[in-house]
Amino acid sequence: MKEYDFYIVPTPIGNLGDITNRAIEVLKSVDIIACEDSRVTQKLLNHFDIRTKCLSYHKYNEKERLNSFLEIIKSGKKMALVSDAGTPLICDPGAVLVEELRKNDVKVTALPGANAVVTFLSQVPREDETFSFAGFLPKTQAAIEKVFSEHKYSDTVFYESPNRLLKTLDILKKLRPDSRVAIGRELTKIFEEVVIDNVGAVIEYFEKNPVKGEIVAMVYRDKNYTNCDDIDDKIMCLMSKNFTAKDISVIISELYGANKNDVYKKVLNLSNNM
């Protein structure tokens, strides 16, 4: 079977010096680069004297591009996929394309590189390695409240725009007033900043210091999660510790006399709604 070349290439999230030598080599060697915004990508290419042709690929045309990209690859040309910043497919377009490529037996090679979540977490203290990633938060208050409620038993990382951050933190404060949060902005750039405090103090800080730049945030898990009062909360406590549905159903039924099958179904239902 003939192997075709398709590469997932991360780009810097701010500091151009963070691009890898391998990423530069791949972007120079391929025939076409699929990118979100050619104007943004072209600045990067110009900086490193990369003259490869670019084609737009974003969330509004990703399905339309599938057939043409497949034809390009199967004609023997090499392609790379980049996003405006960071790693493609992590809250950026690419999943639809990669799925189609794999269906057509196209080999996909992913390069390691810049990612805002990993960069953020590497400088934020946590109790353990587990966390939830919510991506970009939804826009309505009810939907945001649902995210914060469902993920209160794990450290929850998300992206937010600077003009919405205070509103989002205010929603969190009303829902979980004792929450501790970490806010990272402009990571890898000159004015990089990470603020960690209780949600009220962080709101006060950013009311005095206008929010600018790209935002990565984390809400720390609820410290009271071990004092759960009802079955759902007890199940969520155990799920946060990575117990299986079967184990949880046995534990809850033994400790509280609940029907094991009913608990098992409840675990699955809560898992599907997370």
C-alpha atoms as a PDB file:
ATOM      1  CA  MET A   1       0.000   0.000   0.000  1.00  0.00           C
ATOM      2  CA  LYS A   2       1.357   3.426  -0.907  1.00  0.00           C
ATOM      3  CA  GLU A   3       1.925   5.728   2.047  1.00  0.00           C
ATOM      4  CA  TYR A   4       0.991   9.385   1.738  1.00  0.00           C
ATOM      5  CA  ASP A   5       2.488  12.187   3.784  1.00  0.00           C
ATOM      6  CA  PHE A   6       0.258  14.311   5.993  1.00  0.00           C
ATOM      7  CA  TYR A   7       1.595  16.166   9.014  1.00  0.00           C
ATOM      8  CA  ILE A   8      -0.012  17.847  12.030  1.00  0.00           C
ATOM      9  CA  VAL A   9       2.316  20.740  12.868  1.00  0.00           C
ATOM     10  CA  PRO A  10       2.006  22.848  16.038  1.00  0.00           C
ATOM     11  CA  THR A  11       2.891  26.525  15.792  1.00  0.00           C
ATOM     12  CA  PRO A  12       3.947  28.956  18.562  1.00  0.00           C
ATOM     13  CA  ILE A  13       1.215  30.295  20.868  1.00  0.00           C
ATOM     14  CA  GLY A  14       2.991  33.638  21.120  1.00  0.00           C
ATOM     15  CA  ASN A  15       6.772  33.482  21.122  1.00  0.00           C
ATOM     16  CA  LEU A  16       8.057  32.590  17.638  1.00  0.00           C
ATOM     17  CA  GLY A  17      11.182  31.118  19.201  1.00  0.00           C
ATOM     18  CA  ASP A  18       9.124  28.192  20.475  1.00  0.00           C
ATOM     19  CA  ILE A  19       8.719  26.581  17.062  1.00  0.00           C
ATOM     20  CA  THR A  20      10.791  23.402  16.675  1.00  0.00           C
ATOM     21  CA  ASN A  21      13.452  22.784  14.052  1.00  0.00           C
ATOM     22  CA  ARG A  22      11.490  19.766  12.878  1.00  0.00           C
ATOM     23  CA  ALA A  23       8.351  21.874  12.393  1.00  0.00           C
ATOM     24  CA  ILE A  24      10.281  24.322  10.213  1.00  0.00           C
ATOM     25  CA  GLU A  25      11.767  21.477   8.184  1.00  0.00           C
ATOM     26  CA  VAL A  26       8.366  19.876   7.606  1.00  0.00           C
ATOM     27  CA  LEU A  27       6.697  23.145   6.622  1.00  0.00           C
ATOM     28  CA  LYS A  28       9.484  23.756   4.112  1.00  0.00           C
ATOM     29  CA  SER A  29       9.360  20.227   2.704  1.00  0.00           C
ATOM     30  CA  VAL A  30       5.614  19.807   2.122  1.00  0.00           C
ATOM     31  CA  ASP A  31       3.849  20.981  -1.025  1.00  0.00           C
ATOM     32  CA  ILE A  32       0.851  22.578   0.670  1.00  0.00           C
ATOM     33  CA  ILE A  33       0.010  23.917   4.126  1.00  0.00           C
ATOM     34  CA  ALA A  34      -3.638  23.881   5.229  1.00  0.00           C
ATOM     35  CA  CYS A  35      -4.197  26.766   7.647  1.00  0.00           C
ATOM     36  CA  GLU A  36      -7.004  28.594   9.459  1.00  0.00           C
ATOM     37  CA  ASP A  37      -6.105  32.119   8.384  1.00  0.00           C
ATOM     38  CA  SER A  38      -3.505  32.500   5.653  1.00  0.00           C
ATOM     39  CA  ARG A  39      -2.701  36.040   6.818  1.00  0.00           C
ATOM     40  CA  VAL A  40      -1.706  34.770  10.263  1.00  0.00           C
ATOM     41  CA  THR A  41       0.203  31.759   8.964  1.00  0.00           C
ATOM     42  CA  GLN A  42       1.985  33.821   6.302  1.00  0.00           C
ATOM     43  CA  LYS A  43       3.579  35.990   8.996  1.00  0.00           C
ATOM     44  CA  LEU A  44       5.051  32.870  10.560  1.00  0.00           C
ATOM     45  CA  LEU A  45       6.213  31.519   7.213  1.00  0.00           C
ATOM     46  CA  ASN A  46       7.809  34.815   6.228  1.00  0.00           C
ATOM     47  CA  HIS A  47       9.692  34.970   9.522  1.00  0.00           C
ATOM     48  CA  PHE A  48      11.322  31.594   8.839  1.00  0.00           C
ATOM     49  CA  ASP A  49      11.646  32.067   5.076  1.00  0.00           C
ATOM     50  CA  ILE A  50       9.185  29.284   4.306  1.00  0.00           C
ATOM     51  CA  ARG A  51       7.749  29.617   0.806  1.00  0.00           C
ATOM     52  CA  THR A  52       5.215  26.776   0.813  1.00  0.00           C
ATOM     53  CA  LYS A  53       1.784  27.439  -0.679  1.00  0.00           C
ATOM     54  CA  CYS A  54      -1.117  27.835   1.792  1.00  0.00           C
ATOM     55  CA  LEU A  55      -4.776  26.798   1.448  1.00  0.00           C
ATOM     56  CA  SER A  56      -7.482  27.901   3.859  1.00  0.00           C
ATOM     57  CA  TYR A  57      -8.961  25.290   6.160  1.00  0.00           C
ATOM     58  CA  HIS A  58     -11.277  26.458   8.952  1.00  0.00           C
ATOM     59  CA  LYS A  59     -14.467  25.418  10.711  1.00  0.00           C
ATOM     60  CA  TYR A  60     -16.658  26.958   8.002  1.00  0.00           C
ATOM     61  CA  ASN A  61     -15.156  25.057   5.076  1.00  0.00           C
ATOM     62  CA  GLU A  62     -13.622  21.931   6.634  1.00  0.00           C
ATOM     63  CA  LYS A  63     -16.168  19.534   5.123  1.00  0.00           C
ATOM     64  CA  GLU A  64     -16.005  21.201   1.707  1.00  0.00           C
ATOM     65  CA  ARG A  65     -12.235  20.773   1.628  1.00  0.00           C
ATOM     66  CA  LEU A  66     -12.176  17.020   2.301  1.00  0.00           C
ATOM     67  CA  ASN A  67     -12.362  15.731  -1.279  1.00  0.00           C
ATOM     68  CA  SER A  68      -9.938  18.273  -2.694  1.00  0.00           C
ATOM     69  CA  PHE A  69      -7.392  17.588   0.059  1.00  0.00           C
ATOM     70  CA  LEU A  70      -7.700  13.849  -0.507  1.00  0.00           C
ATOM     71  CA  GLU A  71      -7.097  14.330  -4.228  1.00  0.00           C
ATOM     72  CA  ILE A  72      -4.036  16.459  -3.499  1.00  0.00           C
ATOM     73  CA  ILE A  73      -2.569  13.875  -1.131  1.00  0.00           C
ATOM     74  CA  LYS A  74      -3.326  10.889  -3.348  1.00  0.00           C
ATOM     75  CA  SER A  75      -1.687  12.673  -6.265  1.00  0.00           C
ATOM     76  CA  GLY A  76       1.538  12.240  -4.340  1.00  0.00           C
ATOM     77  CA  LYS A  77       1.858  15.694  -2.823  1.00  0.00           C
ATOM     78  CA  LYS A  78       2.718  16.194   0.844  1.00  0.00           C
ATOM     79  CA  MET A  79       0.540  18.325   3.110  1.00  0.00           C
ATOM     80  CA  ALA A  80       0.744  19.838   6.576  1.00  0.00           C
ATOM     81  CA  LEU A  81      -2.017  21.180   8.802  1.00  0.00           C
ATOM     82  CA  VAL A  82      -1.463  24.137  11.124  1.00  0.00           C
ATOM     83  CA  SER A  83      -3.744  26.307  13.234  1.00  0.00           C
ATOM     84  CA  ASP A  84      -3.285  30.004  13.920  1.00  0.00           C
ATOM     85  CA  ALA A  85      -1.483  29.155  17.160  1.00  0.00           C
ATOM     86  CA  GLY A  86      -0.809  25.982  19.100  1.00  0.00           C
ATOM     87  CA  THR A  87      -1.635  22.400  18.207  1.00  0.00           C
ATOM     88  CA  PRO A  88      -4.304  21.622  15.578  1.00  0.00           C
ATOM     89  CA  LEU A  89      -7.382  19.659  16.733  1.00  0.00           C
ATOM     90  CA  ILE A  90      -7.070  21.051  20.285  1.00  0.00           C
ATOM     91  CA  CYS A  91     -10.012  23.471  20.087  1.00  0.00           C
ATOM     92  CA  ASP A  92      -9.025  24.085  16.475  1.00  0.00           C
ATOM     93  CA  PRO A  93     -10.219  22.563  13.167  1.00  0.00           C
ATOM     94  CA  GLY A  94      -8.793  19.281  11.925  1.00  0.00           C
ATOM     95  CA  ALA A  95     -10.736  16.413  13.488  1.00  0.00           C
ATOM     96  CA  VAL A  96     -13.049  16.021  10.487  1.00  0.00           C
ATOM     97  CA  LEU A  97     -10.110  15.968   8.085  1.00  0.00           C
ATOM     98  CA  VAL A  98      -8.020  13.531  10.124  1.00  0.00           C
ATOM     99  CA  GLU A  99     -10.944  11.133  10.453  1.00  0.00           C
ATOM    100  CA  GLU A 100     -11.445  11.168   6.682  1.00  0.00           C
ATOM    101  CA  LEU A 101      -7.744  10.677   6.022  1.00  0.00           C
ATOM    102  CA  ARG A 102      -7.587   7.658   8.307  1.00  0.00           C
ATOM    103  CA  LYS A 103     -10.648   6.161   6.617  1.00  0.00           C
ATOM    104  CA  ASN A 104      -8.698   6.404   3.362  1.00  0.00           C
ATOM    105  CA  ASP A 105      -5.591   4.793   4.841  1.00  0.00           C
ATOM    106  CA  VAL A 106      -3.571   8.001   4.783  1.00  0.00           C
ATOM    107  CA  LYS A 107      -0.780   8.006   7.338  1.00  0.00           C
ATOM    108  CA  VAL A 108      -1.039  10.974   9.709  1.00  0.00           C
ATOM    109  CA  THR A 109       2.117  12.098  11.529  1.00  0.00           C
ATOM    110  CA  ALA A 110       1.753  14.511  14.471  1.00  0.00           C
ATOM    111  CA  LEU A 111       4.681  16.636  15.597  1.00  0.00           C
ATOM    112  CA  PRO A 112       5.051  17.639  19.261  1.00  0.00           C
ATOM    113  CA  GLY A 113       5.009  21.319  20.022  1.00  0.00           C
ATOM    114  CA  ALA A 114       3.343  24.328  21.600  1.00  0.00           C
ATOM    115  CA  ASN A 115       0.039  23.933  23.435  1.00  0.00           C
ATOM    116  CA  ALA A 116      -1.521  26.509  25.747  1.00  0.00           C
ATOM    117  CA  VAL A 117      -3.037  23.986  28.165  1.00  0.00           C
ATOM    118  CA  VAL A 118       0.227  22.118  28.782  1.00  0.00           C
ATOM    119  CA  THR A 119       2.217  25.358  29.013  1.00  0.00           C
ATOM    120  CA  PHE A 120      -0.274  26.691  31.560  1.00  0.00           C
ATOM    121  CA  LEU A 121      -0.477  23.537  33.682  1.00  0.00           C
ATOM    122  CA  SER A 122       3.304  23.208  33.865  1.00  0.00           C
ATOM    123  CA  GLN A 123       3.455  26.379  35.978  1.00  0.00           C
ATOM    124  CA  VAL A 124       0.299  25.951  38.069  1.00  0.00           C
ATOM    125  CA  PRO A 125       0.419  23.900  41.327  1.00  0.00           C
ATOM    126  CA  ARG A 126      -2.009  20.959  41.531  1.00  0.00           C
ATOM    127  CA  GLU A 127      -2.570  18.078  43.929  1.00  0.00           C
ATOM    128  CA  ASP A 128      -2.269  15.371  41.276  1.00  0.00           C
ATOM    129  CA  GLU A 129      -2.125  14.847  37.516  1.00  0.00           C
ATOM    130  CA  THR A 130      -5.855  14.499  36.801  1.00  0.00           C
ATOM    131  CA  PHE A 131      -7.820  17.355  35.262  1.00  0.00           C
ATOM    132  CA  SER A 132     -10.772  17.999  32.965  1.00  0.00           C
ATOM    133  CA  PHE A 133     -10.486  20.113  29.826  1.00  0.00           C
ATOM    134  CA  ALA A 134     -13.637  21.969  28.837  1.00  0.00           C
ATOM    135  CA  GLY A 135     -12.237  23.785  25.786  1.00  0.00           C
ATOM    136  CA  PHE A 136     -13.979  27.092  25.097  1.00  0.00           C
ATOM    137  CA  LEU A 137     -16.846  27.608  27.522  1.00  0.00           C
ATOM    138  CA  PRO A 138     -20.396  27.889  26.130  1.00  0.00           C
ATOM    139  CA  LYS A 139     -21.936  31.348  25.869  1.00  0.00           C
ATOM    140  CA  THR A 140     -25.081  31.178  28.017  1.00  0.00           C
ATOM    141  CA  GLN A 141     -25.038  31.472  31.788  1.00  0.00           C
ATOM    142  CA  ALA A 142     -27.029  28.260  32.254  1.00  0.00           C
ATOM    143  CA  ALA A 143     -24.583  26.289  30.099  1.00  0.00           C
ATOM    144  CA  ILE A 144     -21.574  27.730  31.929  1.00  0.00           C
ATOM    145  CA  GLU A 145     -23.152  26.875  35.291  1.00  0.00           C
ATOM    146  CA  LYS A 146     -23.676  23.315  34.064  1.00  0.00           C
ATOM    147  CA  VAL A 147     -19.980  22.961  33.187  1.00  0.00           C
ATOM    148  CA  PHE A 148     -18.858  24.270  36.579  1.00  0.00           C
ATOM    149  CA  SER A 149     -21.357  22.075  38.433  1.00  0.00           C
ATOM    150  CA  GLU A 150     -20.576  18.868  36.570  1.00  0.00           C
ATOM    151  CA  HIS A 151     -16.813  19.305  36.915  1.00  0.00           C
ATOM    152  CA  LYS A 152     -16.591  20.436  40.528  1.00  0.00           C
ATOM    153  CA  TYR A 153     -14.808  17.220  41.513  1.00  0.00           C
ATOM    154  CA  SER A 154     -11.822  17.763  39.234  1.00  0.00           C
ATOM    155  CA  ASP A 155      -9.499  20.624  38.339  1.00  0.00           C
ATOM    156  CA  THR A 156     -11.138  22.081  35.237  1.00  0.00           C
ATOM    157  CA  VAL A 157      -9.160  23.883  32.534  1.00  0.00           C
ATOM    158  CA  PHE A 158     -10.799  26.028  29.877  1.00  0.00           C
ATOM    159  CA  TYR A 159     -10.176  28.784  27.352  1.00  0.00           C
ATOM    160  CA  GLU A 160     -11.930  32.132  27.669  1.00  0.00           C
ATOM    161  CA  SER A 161     -11.879  35.432  25.807  1.00  0.00           C
ATOM    162  CA  PRO A 162     -10.627  38.499  27.717  1.00  0.00           C
ATOM    163  CA  ASN A 163     -13.910  40.372  27.261  1.00  0.00           C
ATOM    164  CA  ARG A 164     -15.883  37.500  28.839  1.00  0.00           C
ATOM    165  CA  LEU A 165     -13.560  36.491  31.667  1.00  0.00           C
ATOM    166  CA  LEU A 166     -15.018  38.693  34.424  1.00  0.00           C
ATOM    167  CA  LYS A 167     -18.565  37.644  33.560  1.00  0.00           C
ATOM    168  CA  THR A 168     -17.531  33.980  33.660  1.00  0.00           C
ATOM    169  CA  LEU A 169     -15.773  34.406  37.013  1.00  0.00           C
ATOM    170  CA  ASP A 170     -18.829  36.180  38.400  1.00  0.00           C
ATOM    171  CA  ILE A 171     -21.001  33.205  37.400  1.00  0.00           C
ATOM    172  CA  LEU A 172     -18.540  30.886  39.130  1.00  0.00           C
ATOM    173  CA  LYS A 173     -18.489  33.021  42.284  1.00  0.00           C
ATOM    174  CA  LYS A 174     -22.274  32.911  42.613  1.00  0.00           C
ATOM    175  CA  LEU A 175     -22.348  29.160  42.007  1.00  0.00           C
ATOM    176  CA  ARG A 176     -19.212  28.146  43.969  1.00  0.00           C
ATOM    177  CA  PRO A 177     -18.178  31.165  46.088  1.00  0.00           C
ATOM    178  CA  ASP A 178     -15.221  29.422  47.750  1.00  0.00           C
ATOM    179  CA  SER A 179     -13.609  28.364  44.477  1.00  0.00           C
ATOM    180  CA  ARG A 180      -9.902  28.781  43.896  1.00  0.00           C
ATOM    181  CA  VAL A 181      -8.926  29.693  40.348  1.00  0.00           C
ATOM    182  CA  ALA A 182      -5.796  30.132  38.259  1.00  0.00           C
ATOM    183  CA  ILE A 183      -5.764  32.509  35.294  1.00  0.00           C
ATOM    184  CA  GLY A 184      -2.984  32.536  32.697  1.00  0.00           C
ATOM    185  CA  ARG A 185      -2.814  35.228  30.047  1.00  0.00           C
ATOM    186  CA  GLU A 186      -0.446  36.026  27.199  1.00  0.00           C
ATOM    187  CA  LEU A 187       1.538  32.832  27.828  1.00  0.00           C
ATOM    188  CA  THR A 188       5.076  32.838  26.335  1.00  0.00           C
ATOM    189  CA  LYS A 189       4.755  36.549  25.486  1.00  0.00           C
ATOM    190  CA  ILE A 190       6.392  39.617  27.063  1.00  0.00           C
ATOM    191  CA  PHE A 191       3.459  40.384  29.356  1.00  0.00           C
ATOM    192  CA  GLU A 192       2.794  36.795  30.424  1.00  0.00           C
ATOM    193  CA  GLU A 193       0.968  36.595  33.736  1.00  0.00           C
ATOM    194  CA  VAL A 194      -0.462  33.847  35.966  1.00  0.00           C
ATOM    195  CA  VAL A 195      -2.785  34.794  38.840  1.00  0.00           C
ATOM    196  CA  ILE A 196      -3.858  32.209  41.426  1.00  0.00           C
ATOM    197  CA  ASP A 197      -6.296  33.041  44.257  1.00  0.00           C
ATOM    198  CA  ASN A 198      -9.872  32.578  45.369  1.00  0.00           C
ATOM    199  CA  VAL A 199     -12.406  33.629  42.758  1.00  0.00           C
ATOM    200  CA  GLY A 200     -13.431  36.826  44.575  1.00  0.00           C
ATOM    201  CA  ALA A 201      -9.855  38.073  44.841  1.00  0.00           C
ATOM    202  CA  VAL A 202      -9.167  37.276  41.196  1.00  0.00           C
ATOM    203  CA  ILE A 203     -12.263  39.226  40.134  1.00  0.00           C
ATOM    204  CA  GLU A 204     -11.054  42.223  42.148  1.00  0.00           C
ATOM    205  CA  TYR A 205      -7.587  41.947  40.617  1.00  0.00           C
ATOM    206  CA  PHE A 206      -8.836  41.981  37.036  1.00  0.00           C
ATOM    207  CA  GLU A 207     -11.314  44.759  37.754  1.00  0.00           C
ATOM    208  CA  LYS A 208      -8.269  46.894  38.600  1.00  0.00           C
ATOM    209  CA  ASN A 209      -6.070  45.437  35.857  1.00  0.00           C
ATOM    210  CA  PRO A 210      -7.885  45.242  32.498  1.00  0.00           C
ATOM    211  CA  VAL A 211      -7.851  41.778  30.958  1.00  0.00           C
ATOM    212  CA  LYS A 212      -5.904  41.579  27.699  1.00  0.00           C
ATOM    213  CA  GLY A 213      -4.587  38.781  25.524  1.00  0.00           C
ATOM    214  CA  GLU A 214      -5.268  35.065  25.238  1.00  0.00           C
ATOM    215  CA  ILE A 215      -6.679  33.423  28.375  1.00  0.00           C
ATOM    216  CA  VAL A 216      -6.257  29.922  29.816  1.00  0.00           C
ATOM    217  CA  ALA A 217      -7.973  29.315  33.150  1.00  0.00           C
ATOM    218  CA  MET A 218      -8.450  26.590  35.724  1.00  0.00           C
ATOM    219  CA  VAL A 219     -11.014  26.157  38.474  1.00  0.00           C
ATOM    220  CA  TYR A 220      -9.624  24.008  41.241  1.00  0.00           C
ATOM    221  CA  ARG A 221     -11.704  21.062  42.384  1.00  0.00           C
ATOM    222  CA  ASP A 222     -14.148  21.568  45.215  1.00  0.00           C
ATOM    223  CA  LYS A 223     -12.275  20.903  48.469  1.00  0.00           C
ATOM    224  CA  ASN A 224     -15.496  19.679  50.066  1.00  0.00           C
ATOM    225  CA  TYR A 225     -15.985  16.838  47.605  1.00  0.00           C
ATOM    226  CA  THR A 226     -15.265  14.235  50.315  1.00  0.00           C
ATOM    227  CA  ASN A 227     -18.296  15.427  52.297  1.00  0.00           C
ATOM    228  CA  CYS A 228     -20.893  14.461  49.715  1.00  0.00           C
ATOM    229  CA  ASP A 229     -24.464  14.205  51.003  1.00  0.00           C
ATOM    230  CA  ASP A 230     -26.403  12.341  48.334  1.00  0.00           C
ATOM    231  CA  ILE A 231     -25.901   9.299  46.118  1.00  0.00           C
ATOM    232  CA  ASP A 232     -25.144  11.329  42.982  1.00  0.00           C
ATOM    233  CA  ASP A 233     -22.405  13.262  44.777  1.00  0.00           C
ATOM    234  CA  LYS A 234     -20.951  10.072  46.251  1.00  0.00           C
ATOM    235  CA  ILE A 235     -20.871   8.553  42.768  1.00  0.00           C
ATOM    236  CA  MET A 236     -19.177  11.653  41.394  1.00  0.00           C
ATOM    237  CA  CYS A 237     -16.607  11.482  44.196  1.00  0.00           C
ATOM    238  CA  LEU A 238     -15.685   7.941  43.219  1.00  0.00           C
ATOM    239  CA  MET A 239     -15.703   8.759  39.494  1.00  0.00           C
ATOM    240  CA  SER A 240     -13.224  11.573  40.171  1.00  0.00           C
ATOM    241  CA  LYS A 241     -10.907   8.951  41.653  1.00  0.00           C
ATOM    242  CA  ASN A 242     -11.183   6.845  38.479  1.00  0.00           C
ATOM    243  CA  PHE A 243     -13.191   3.965  39.947  1.00  0.00           C
ATOM    244  CA  THR A 244     -14.985   1.918  37.300  1.00  0.00           C
ATOM    245  CA  ALA A 245     -18.781   1.872  37.025  1.00  0.00           C
ATOM    246  CA  LYS A 246     -18.799  -1.710  38.297  1.00  0.00           C
ATOM    247  CA  ASP A 247     -16.641  -0.875  41.326  1.00  0.00           C
ATOM    248  CA  ILE A 248     -18.765   2.169  42.158  1.00  0.00           C
ATOM    249  CA  SER A 249     -21.995   0.178  42.028  1.00  0.00           C
ATOM    250  CA  VAL A 250     -20.541  -2.388  44.444  1.00  0.00           C
ATOM    251  CA  ILE A 251     -19.153   0.223  46.854  1.00  0.00           C
ATOM    252  CA  ILE A 252     -22.337   2.306  46.996  1.00  0.00           C
ATOM    253  CA  SER A 253     -24.607  -0.710  47.338  1.00  0.00           C
ATOM    254  CA  GLU A 254     -22.500  -2.162  50.169  1.00  0.00           C
ATOM    255  CA  LEU A 255     -22.151   1.095  52.101  1.00  0.00           C
ATOM    256  CA  TYR A 256     -25.627   2.546  51.656  1.00  0.00           C
ATOM    257  CA  GLY A 257     -27.863  -0.397  50.793  1.00  0.00           C
ATOM    258  CA  ALA A 258     -28.728   0.939  47.333  1.00  0.00           C
ATOM    259  CA  ASN A 259     -29.675  -1.402  44.505  1.00  0.00           C
ATOM    260  CA  LYS A 260     -26.464  -2.280  42.667  1.00  0.00           C
ATOM    261  CA  ASN A 261     -28.057  -2.303  39.208  1.00  0.00           C
ATOM    262  CA  ASP A 262     -29.733   1.047  39.823  1.00  0.00           C
ATOM    263  CA  VAL A 263     -26.427   2.543  40.935  1.00  0.00           C
ATOM    264  CA  TYR A 264     -24.665   1.119  37.868  1.00  0.00           C
ATOM    265  CA  LYS A 265     -27.245   2.737  35.558  1.00  0.00           C
ATOM    266  CA  LYS A 266     -26.893   6.020  37.421  1.00  0.00           C
ATOM    267  CA  VAL A 267     -23.105   5.925  37.000  1.00  0.00           C
ATOM    268  CA  LEU A 268     -23.468   5.441  33.246  1.00  0.00           C
ATOM    269  CA  ASN A 269     -26.017   8.237  33.034  1.00  0.00           C
ATOM    270  CA  LEU A 270     -23.783  10.661  34.941  1.00  0.00           C
ATOM    271  CA  SER A 271     -20.817   9.671  32.764  1.00  0.00           C
ATOM    272  CA  ASN A 272     -22.757  10.360  29.563  1.00  0.00           C
ATOM    273  CA  ASN A 273     -23.808  13.807  30.819  1.00  0.00           C
ATOM    274  CA  MET A 274     -20.287  14.926  31.721  1.00  0.00           C
END
